[in-house]
């Protein structure tokens, strides 16, 4: 009896002590609540692997220098809280790579976004972020990422690689091989349980964001002042893009607002790229390649509430199968063309001009696009780096 009574007293003491410690911690710095392990232990030399079973959480009170490659291995988890700043210092050897089965949770807020930047404010000063998932692609049962040579793709449409929310990626796009550059954000075979929402890609030296197959849905995306395409997809992407605002550099540098492809080697590869794209604004420039929207090489898609402004060609559709999918089918609806020389152009696989059927697209003079016509939408102001 006495032993049992003693056990009860000890248990009560432990519970009470835990309550006191927990209560006091609310008034302490958030850093005291983070267990620093693995590659997070030296913020001035942030690189290395997050291994199977590890959950590495960064401290938003610290500033991290990305001095090499961070690889989140299968079974590993990297957590990046709101307000964390990661500054790359090693050019093309500075990037974040998430393997199949690894997870990244970079969750900022509108007031405290997660920032990936560089020591020098110039495009191409570091790699970028590369995530590989297990969702279907049309390059075979799986593919190999051009960055890291990692397997991506599979049969898991609902694969989950984590979340990116209120994240800004800037000055990425370093050249990693002759003629090949990182994108700001590369999504290889990512599944629809992965959250990609409120992500800004600014001043990157290649595409802002590129999606390679998969089923991921993206929303509230800002892609501005990048030197190649603002947004691109290929390899059988079947997902959605909602609330997208893109803008070329002030000097007109850059290519398309969005480029869509099914497969560069086989227009009819399956699964076929067929995203739903809605509430989008593409602001351009008339120098160089000047297509607000370019759809080719077998891609299908549905587009609605679209604003294209300041392009030589608003919508350019190429290749026989893609032209057949759109011509006369009203799959592009509620479009506002502003300061655009040619609204729509259709070309066959051999480059011949194809007559446009009237019902190929519909126009709407008050289309809002990403939310504010040709202006920056309210949801993008501040956290994205745009004002």
Protein backbone atom coordinates (compact mmCIF):
# COMPACT_ATOMS: atom_id res chain seq x y z
CA UNK A 1 0.00 0.00 0.00
CA UNK A 2 2.76 2.43 0.95
CA UNK A 3 4.60 1.65 -2.30
CA UNK A 4 1.48 2.30 -4.33
CA UNK A 5 0.84 5.52 -2.44
CA UNK A 6 4.41 6.62 -3.14
CA UNK A 7 4.03 5.87 -6.87
CA UNK A 8 0.94 8.06 -7.00
CA UNK A 9 2.78 10.95 -5.36
CA UNK A 10 5.75 10.64 -7.77
CA UNK A 11 3.44 10.48 -10.79
CA UNK A 12 1.59 13.56 -9.60
CA UNK A 13 4.88 15.38 -9.15
CA UNK A 14 6.03 14.53 -12.70
CA UNK A 15 2.75 15.67 -14.21
CA UNK A 16 2.83 18.87 -12.22
CA UNK A 17 6.44 19.54 -13.15
CA UNK A 18 5.68 18.95 -16.82
CA UNK A 19 2.83 21.42 -16.63
CA UNK A 20 5.04 24.05 -15.04
CA UNK A 21 7.80 23.56 -17.61
CA UNK A 22 5.35 23.69 -20.51
CA UNK A 23 3.67 26.81 -19.14
CA UNK A 24 6.94 28.63 -18.64
CA UNK A 25 8.17 27.76 -22.13
CA UNK A 26 5.44 29.90 -23.69
CA UNK A 27 7.22 32.99 -22.42
CA UNK A 28 10.66 31.86 -23.57
CA UNK A 29 12.31 32.30 -26.94
CA UNK A 30 11.00 29.89 -29.57
CA UNK A 31 14.56 28.65 -30.02
CA UNK A 32 14.39 26.85 -26.66
CA UNK A 33 11.68 24.59 -28.04
CA UNK A 34 13.70 23.36 -31.03
CA UNK A 35 15.94 20.32 -30.65
CA UNK A 36 18.93 21.04 -32.87
CA UNK A 37 20.14 17.86 -34.58
CA UNK A 38 22.01 16.79 -37.68
CA UNK A 39 22.80 19.36 -40.33
CA UNK A 40 20.99 22.12 -38.42
CA UNK A 41 23.72 22.24 -35.77
CA UNK A 42 25.95 24.68 -37.65
CA UNK A 43 23.94 27.50 -39.28
CA UNK A 44 27.12 28.89 -40.87
CA UNK A 45 27.76 25.61 -42.71
CA UNK A 46 24.33 24.31 -43.65
CA UNK A 47 24.76 21.28 -45.91
CA UNK A 48 24.61 17.50 -45.85
CA UNK A 49 21.96 14.80 -45.57
CA UNK A 50 18.73 14.51 -43.64
CA UNK A 51 18.72 10.76 -43.20
CA UNK A 52 16.01 8.12 -42.88
CA UNK A 53 14.11 8.64 -39.62
CA UNK A 54 15.54 12.10 -38.94
CA UNK A 55 13.34 15.16 -38.47
CA UNK A 56 15.61 18.19 -38.78
CA UNK A 57 13.94 21.45 -37.75
CA UNK A 58 15.60 24.79 -38.43
CA UNK A 59 15.47 27.68 -36.00
CA UNK A 60 13.82 30.80 -37.47
CA UNK A 61 15.82 32.93 -35.06
CA UNK A 62 19.01 31.89 -36.88
CA UNK A 63 20.24 32.77 -40.37
CA UNK A 64 21.49 29.76 -42.33
CA UNK A 65 24.28 29.79 -44.90
CA UNK A 66 23.73 27.12 -47.55
CA UNK A 67 27.35 26.17 -48.23
CA UNK A 68 26.69 23.01 -50.23
CA UNK A 69 24.01 20.47 -51.09
CA UNK A 70 21.23 19.65 -48.66
CA UNK A 71 19.70 16.28 -49.50
CA UNK A 72 16.56 15.03 -47.79
CA UNK A 73 16.86 11.27 -48.12
CA UNK A 74 14.05 8.72 -48.29
CA UNK A 75 12.40 8.72 -44.86
CA UNK A 76 13.95 12.02 -43.80
CA UNK A 77 12.06 15.23 -43.01
CA UNK A 78 13.28 18.83 -43.17
CA UNK A 79 11.14 21.40 -41.34
CA UNK A 80 11.68 25.10 -42.11
CA UNK A 81 9.50 27.38 -39.93
CA UNK A 82 8.06 30.76 -40.82
CA UNK A 83 10.62 33.56 -40.96
CA UNK A 84 13.63 31.34 -41.67
CA UNK A 85 16.25 32.82 -44.02
CA UNK A 86 18.59 30.55 -45.99
CA UNK A 87 21.37 32.27 -47.95
CA UNK A 88 23.28 30.28 -50.56
CA UNK A 89 27.03 30.84 -50.79
CA UNK A 90 28.44 28.14 -53.10
CA UNK A 91 26.97 28.83 -56.53
CA UNK A 92 25.84 25.72 -58.42
CA UNK A 93 26.91 23.55 -55.49
CA UNK A 94 24.31 25.19 -53.24
CA UNK A 95 20.87 23.64 -53.61
CA UNK A 96 18.19 21.69 -51.77
CA UNK A 97 17.31 18.24 -53.08
CA UNK A 98 14.42 16.11 -51.79
CA UNK A 99 14.53 12.47 -52.84
CA UNK A 100 11.54 10.17 -53.33
CA UNK A 101 10.15 9.40 -49.89
CA UNK A 102 11.75 12.47 -48.32
CA UNK A 103 9.68 15.40 -47.09
CA UNK A 104 10.20 19.13 -46.84
CA UNK A 105 7.88 21.35 -44.81
CA UNK A 106 8.70 25.00 -45.51
CA UNK A 107 5.70 26.79 -44.07
CA UNK A 108 5.88 30.54 -43.78
CA UNK A 109 3.17 33.14 -43.34
CA UNK A 110 2.25 36.29 -45.24
CA UNK A 111 4.06 38.31 -42.58
CA UNK A 112 7.00 35.92 -42.18
CA UNK A 113 7.74 34.01 -45.39
CA UNK A 114 10.50 31.44 -45.70
CA UNK A 115 13.26 32.98 -47.83
CA UNK A 116 15.82 31.22 -50.03
CA UNK A 117 18.25 33.79 -51.39
CA UNK A 118 21.90 34.37 -52.31
CA UNK A 119 24.80 36.37 -51.00
CA UNK A 120 24.77 38.27 -54.30
CA UNK A 121 21.56 39.71 -55.71
CA UNK A 122 22.06 38.34 -59.23
CA UNK A 123 20.23 35.64 -61.15
CA UNK A 124 22.05 32.31 -61.28
CA UNK A 125 23.99 32.68 -58.03
CA UNK A 126 22.92 29.31 -56.63
CA UNK A 127 21.02 26.20 -57.63
CA UNK A 128 17.43 26.09 -56.44
CA UNK A 129 15.01 23.60 -54.92
CA UNK A 130 14.46 20.18 -56.50
CA UNK A 131 11.80 17.75 -55.25
CA UNK A 132 11.29 14.20 -56.55
CA UNK A 133 8.06 12.30 -55.94
CA UNK A 134 6.35 9.02 -56.84
CA UNK A 135 3.40 10.22 -58.95
CA UNK A 136 2.94 9.09 -62.58
CA UNK A 137 5.01 10.54 -65.44
CA UNK A 138 5.12 9.72 -69.15
CA UNK A 139 8.88 9.27 -69.55
CA UNK A 140 8.59 5.60 -68.59
CA UNK A 141 7.47 4.01 -65.35
CA UNK A 142 10.03 6.29 -63.71
CA UNK A 143 12.52 8.91 -64.86
CA UNK A 144 15.86 10.33 -63.79
CA UNK A 145 16.00 13.97 -62.73
CA UNK A 146 18.46 16.03 -64.75
CA UNK A 147 19.64 17.48 -61.45
CA UNK A 148 21.03 14.94 -59.01
CA UNK A 149 20.26 12.01 -61.35
CA UNK A 150 17.55 10.82 -58.97
CA UNK A 151 14.62 8.52 -59.69
CA UNK A 152 11.24 10.19 -59.89
CA UNK A 153 7.76 9.09 -60.91
CA UNK A 154 5.82 5.92 -60.22
CA UNK A 155 2.19 5.00 -59.61
CA UNK A 156 1.30 6.94 -56.45
CA UNK A 157 -0.90 9.83 -57.60
CA UNK A 158 -1.50 10.83 -53.97
CA UNK A 159 2.16 10.85 -53.02
CA UNK A 160 3.12 13.44 -50.40
CA UNK A 161 6.48 15.23 -50.47
CA UNK A 162 5.51 17.80 -47.82
CA UNK A 163 4.50 21.42 -48.29
CA UNK A 164 5.77 24.78 -49.51
CA UNK A 165 3.65 27.64 -48.25
CA UNK A 166 4.58 31.33 -48.26
CA UNK A 167 8.05 30.65 -49.64
CA UNK A 168 10.19 32.98 -51.77
CA UNK A 169 13.02 31.64 -53.95
CA UNK A 170 15.28 34.23 -55.56
CA UNK A 171 18.54 34.51 -57.56
CA UNK A 172 18.67 30.77 -58.30
CA UNK A 173 19.28 29.10 -61.67
CA UNK A 174 23.02 28.41 -61.68
CA UNK A 175 24.43 26.38 -64.58
CA UNK A 176 25.11 22.80 -63.44
CA UNK A 177 26.27 21.44 -66.82
CA UNK A 178 27.04 22.92 -70.23
CA UNK A 179 23.88 24.68 -71.37
CA UNK A 180 21.81 23.38 -68.44
CA UNK A 181 20.59 25.44 -65.53
CA UNK A 182 18.56 24.95 -62.39
CA UNK A 183 15.04 26.32 -62.22
CA UNK A 184 13.97 28.24 -59.15
CA UNK A 185 11.69 25.32 -58.23
CA UNK A 186 11.70 21.93 -60.00
CA UNK A 187 8.92 19.44 -59.21
CA UNK A 188 9.60 15.95 -60.57
CA UNK A 189 6.66 13.51 -60.37
CA UNK A 190 5.08 15.20 -57.36
CA UNK A 191 1.78 13.85 -56.02
CA UNK A 192 -1.42 15.71 -55.20
CA UNK A 193 -1.05 15.32 -51.44
CA UNK A 194 1.93 17.69 -51.62
CA UNK A 195 0.99 21.29 -50.90
CA UNK A 196 2.49 24.01 -53.11
CA UNK A 197 0.77 27.27 -52.32
CA UNK A 198 1.91 30.90 -52.07
CA UNK A 199 5.34 30.43 -53.63
CA UNK A 200 7.26 33.25 -55.32
CA UNK A 201 10.06 32.74 -57.86
CA UNK A 202 12.00 35.96 -58.50
CA UNK A 203 15.10 36.82 -60.54
CA UNK A 204 16.07 33.25 -61.39
CA UNK A 205 18.33 32.47 -64.36
CA UNK A 206 16.15 29.81 -65.99
CA UNK A 207 12.47 28.96 -65.49
CA UNK A 208 10.79 30.21 -62.36
CA UNK A 209 8.93 26.93 -61.80
CA UNK A 210 8.92 23.76 -63.88
CA UNK A 211 6.67 20.75 -63.31
CA UNK A 212 7.78 17.37 -64.67
CA UNK A 213 4.71 15.14 -64.72
CA UNK A 214 2.91 14.16 -61.56
CA UNK A 215 -0.45 15.23 -60.17
CA UNK A 216 0.50 18.16 -57.95
CA UNK A 217 -1.86 21.13 -57.66
CA UNK A 218 -0.29 24.56 -57.29
CA UNK A 219 -1.91 27.86 -56.34
CA UNK A 220 -1.01 31.48 -55.58
CA UNK A 221 2.20 31.36 -57.57
CA UNK A 222 4.24 34.47 -58.43
CA UNK A 223 6.97 34.13 -61.05
CA UNK A 224 8.65 37.37 -62.05
CA UNK A 225 11.87 38.69 -63.62
CA UNK A 226 13.19 35.24 -64.54
CA UNK A 227 15.36 34.88 -67.65
CA UNK A 228 13.51 31.96 -69.24
CA UNK A 229 9.89 30.79 -68.94
CA UNK A 230 7.98 32.01 -65.92
CA UNK A 231 6.08 28.72 -65.64
CA UNK A 232 6.51 25.50 -67.59
CA UNK A 233 5.37 21.90 -67.51
CA UNK A 234 5.86 18.62 -69.38
CA UNK A 235 6.12 14.82 -68.98
CA UNK A 236 2.44 14.18 -68.31
CA UNK A 237 1.44 16.69 -65.65
CA UNK A 238 -2.19 16.17 -64.63
CA UNK A 239 -2.91 18.73 -61.93
CA UNK A 240 -4.16 22.27 -61.55
CA UNK A 241 -2.68 25.76 -61.44
CA UNK A 242 -4.87 28.41 -59.83
CA UNK A 243 -4.07 32.08 -59.16
CA UNK A 244 -0.86 32.49 -61.14
CA UNK A 245 0.81 35.88 -61.70
CA UNK A 246 3.86 36.11 -63.95
CA UNK A 247 5.81 39.08 -65.25
CA UNK A 248 8.89 39.42 -67.41
CA UNK A 249 11.81 41.67 -66.55
CA UNK A 250 11.41 45.37 -67.20
CA UNK A 251 13.90 45.14 -70.10
CA UNK A 252 11.83 42.38 -71.72
CA UNK A 253 14.29 39.59 -70.91
CA UNK A 254 12.64 36.20 -70.64
CA UNK A 255 10.51 33.88 -72.71
CA UNK A 256 6.91 32.80 -72.19
CA UNK A 257 4.43 33.35 -69.42
CA UNK A 258 3.73 29.61 -69.54
CA UNK A 259 4.98 26.82 -71.78
CA UNK A 260 3.14 23.51 -71.82
CA UNK A 261 4.44 20.27 -73.35
CA UNK A 262 3.31 16.67 -73.20
CA UNK A 263 6.59 14.94 -74.03
CA UNK A 264 9.53 16.28 -76.04
CA UNK A 265 10.12 12.93 -77.77
CA UNK A 266 6.58 11.60 -78.16
CA UNK A 267 3.58 13.90 -78.56
CA UNK A 268 1.20 11.08 -77.62
CA UNK A 269 3.02 9.68 -74.58
CA UNK A 270 0.73 8.59 -71.74
CA UNK A 271 -0.36 9.87 -69.31
CA UNK A 272 -0.81 13.00 -71.37
CA UNK A 273 -0.19 16.42 -69.86
CA UNK A 274 -3.67 17.83 -69.23
CA UNK A 275 -3.72 20.44 -66.46
CA UNK A 276 -6.55 22.74 -65.45
CA UNK A 277 -5.28 26.33 -65.43
CA UNK A 278 -7.50 29.04 -63.98
CA UNK A 279 -7.24 32.65 -62.80
CA UNK A 280 -3.92 33.56 -64.41
CA UNK A 281 -2.17 36.76 -65.50
CA UNK A 282 0.83 36.75 -67.83
CA UNK A 283 2.60 40.10 -68.27
CA UNK A 284 5.24 40.12 -71.00
CA UNK A 285 7.55 42.06 -73.23
CA UNK A 286 7.77 42.17 -77.01
CA UNK A 287 11.47 41.35 -77.39
CA UNK A 288 12.81 37.84 -78.01
CA UNK A 289 10.36 34.95 -77.81
CA UNK A 290 7.14 36.71 -76.94
CA UNK A 291 4.31 34.25 -76.33
CA UNK A 292 2.09 34.73 -73.32
CA UNK A 293 0.95 31.11 -73.52
CA UNK A 294 2.71 28.44 -75.59
CA UNK A 295 1.16 24.97 -75.85
CA UNK A 296 2.86 22.31 -77.96
CA UNK A 297 4.15 18.76 -78.44
CA UNK A 298 0.92 17.00 -77.58
CA UNK A 299 -0.20 18.78 -74.44
CA UNK A 300 -3.86 19.10 -73.59
CA UNK A 301 -5.16 21.66 -71.08
CA UNK A 302 -8.16 23.71 -70.01
CA UNK A 303 -7.70 27.43 -69.36
CA UNK A 304 -10.18 29.90 -67.88
CA UNK A 305 -10.09 33.54 -66.71
CA UNK A 306 -6.86 34.49 -68.43
CA UNK A 307 -5.18 37.89 -68.81
CA UNK A 308 -2.32 38.24 -71.32
CA UNK A 309 -0.70 41.64 -71.73
CA UNK A 310 2.21 43.06 -73.73
CA UNK A 311 3.09 40.08 -75.94
CA UNK A 312 3.73 39.69 -79.64
CA UNK A 313 1.47 36.61 -79.55
CA UNK A 314 -1.00 36.04 -76.75
CA UNK A 315 -1.62 32.31 -77.25
CA UNK A 316 0.58 30.16 -79.49
CA UNK A 317 -0.54 26.57 -80.12
CA UNK A 318 1.76 24.24 -82.05
CA UNK A 319 1.87 20.57 -83.22
CA UNK A 320 -0.94 18.61 -84.83
CA UNK A 321 -2.33 16.83 -81.77
CA UNK A 322 -2.33 19.96 -79.62
CA UNK A 323 -3.92 22.08 -82.35
CA UNK A 324 -6.62 19.42 -82.86
CA UNK A 325 -7.36 19.45 -79.14
CA UNK A 326 -7.96 23.22 -79.03
CA UNK A 327 -9.08 24.40 -82.45
CA UNK A 328 -12.82 25.07 -82.29
CA UNK A 329 -13.21 23.30 -78.92
CA UNK A 330 -13.60 26.30 -76.60
CA UNK A 331 -11.11 24.99 -74.06
CA UNK A 332 -9.66 28.47 -73.53
CA UNK A 333 -12.32 30.76 -72.10
CA UNK A 334 -12.77 34.26 -70.69
CA UNK A 335 -9.55 35.79 -72.01
CA UNK A 336 -8.50 39.45 -71.89
CA UNK A 337 -5.87 40.41 -74.47
CA UNK A 338 -4.16 43.74 -73.82
CA UNK A 339 -1.40 45.31 -75.92
CA UNK A 340 -0.99 42.03 -77.80
CA UNK A 341 -0.15 42.10 -81.52
CA UNK A 342 -1.56 38.67 -82.44
CA UNK A 343 -4.16 37.19 -80.12
CA UNK A 344 -3.92 33.53 -81.14
CA UNK A 345 -1.68 31.58 -83.52
CA UNK A 346 -2.04 27.93 -84.56
CA UNK A 347 0.67 25.97 -86.38
CA UNK A 348 0.95 22.37 -87.51
CA UNK A 349 3.82 20.07 -86.58
CA UNK A 350 5.49 21.13 -89.84
CA UNK A 351 5.12 24.82 -89.01
CA UNK A 352 2.27 25.60 -91.39
CA UNK A 353 -0.31 28.15 -90.26
CA UNK A 354 -3.65 26.54 -89.33
CA UNK A 355 -6.88 28.55 -89.77
CA UNK A 356 -8.47 29.37 -86.41
CA UNK A 357 -12.06 28.27 -85.83
CA UNK A 358 -14.09 31.00 -84.09
CA UNK A 359 -14.97 28.79 -81.12
CA UNK A 360 -11.34 28.06 -80.23
CA UNK A 361 -11.42 30.65 -77.43
CA UNK A 362 -13.74 33.19 -75.86
CA UNK A 363 -12.91 36.72 -74.75
CA UNK A 364 -13.99 38.66 -71.70
CA UNK A 365 -13.06 42.37 -71.49
CA UNK A 366 -13.30 42.44 -67.70
CA UNK A 367 -11.44 39.19 -66.99
CA UNK A 368 -9.60 39.47 -63.68
CA UNK A 369 -6.94 36.83 -64.26
CA UNK A 370 -4.93 36.30 -61.08
CA UNK A 371 -7.26 38.71 -59.30
CA UNK A 372 -6.44 42.26 -60.35
CA UNK A 373 -6.24 42.25 -64.12
CA UNK A 374 -2.79 43.36 -65.29
CA UNK A 375 -1.87 44.61 -61.81
CA UNK A 376 -0.36 42.69 -58.91
CA UNK A 377 -3.13 40.76 -57.12
CA UNK A 378 -3.75 41.58 -53.46
CA UNK A 379 -2.86 38.05 -52.34
CA UNK A 380 0.68 38.49 -53.72
CA UNK A 381 1.61 41.83 -52.19
CA UNK A 382 4.42 41.86 -49.62
CA UNK A 383 5.52 38.28 -48.92
CA UNK A 384 6.29 37.62 -52.61
CA UNK A 385 8.71 40.54 -52.91
CA UNK A 386 6.26 42.45 -55.13
CA UNK A 387 4.61 45.66 -53.97
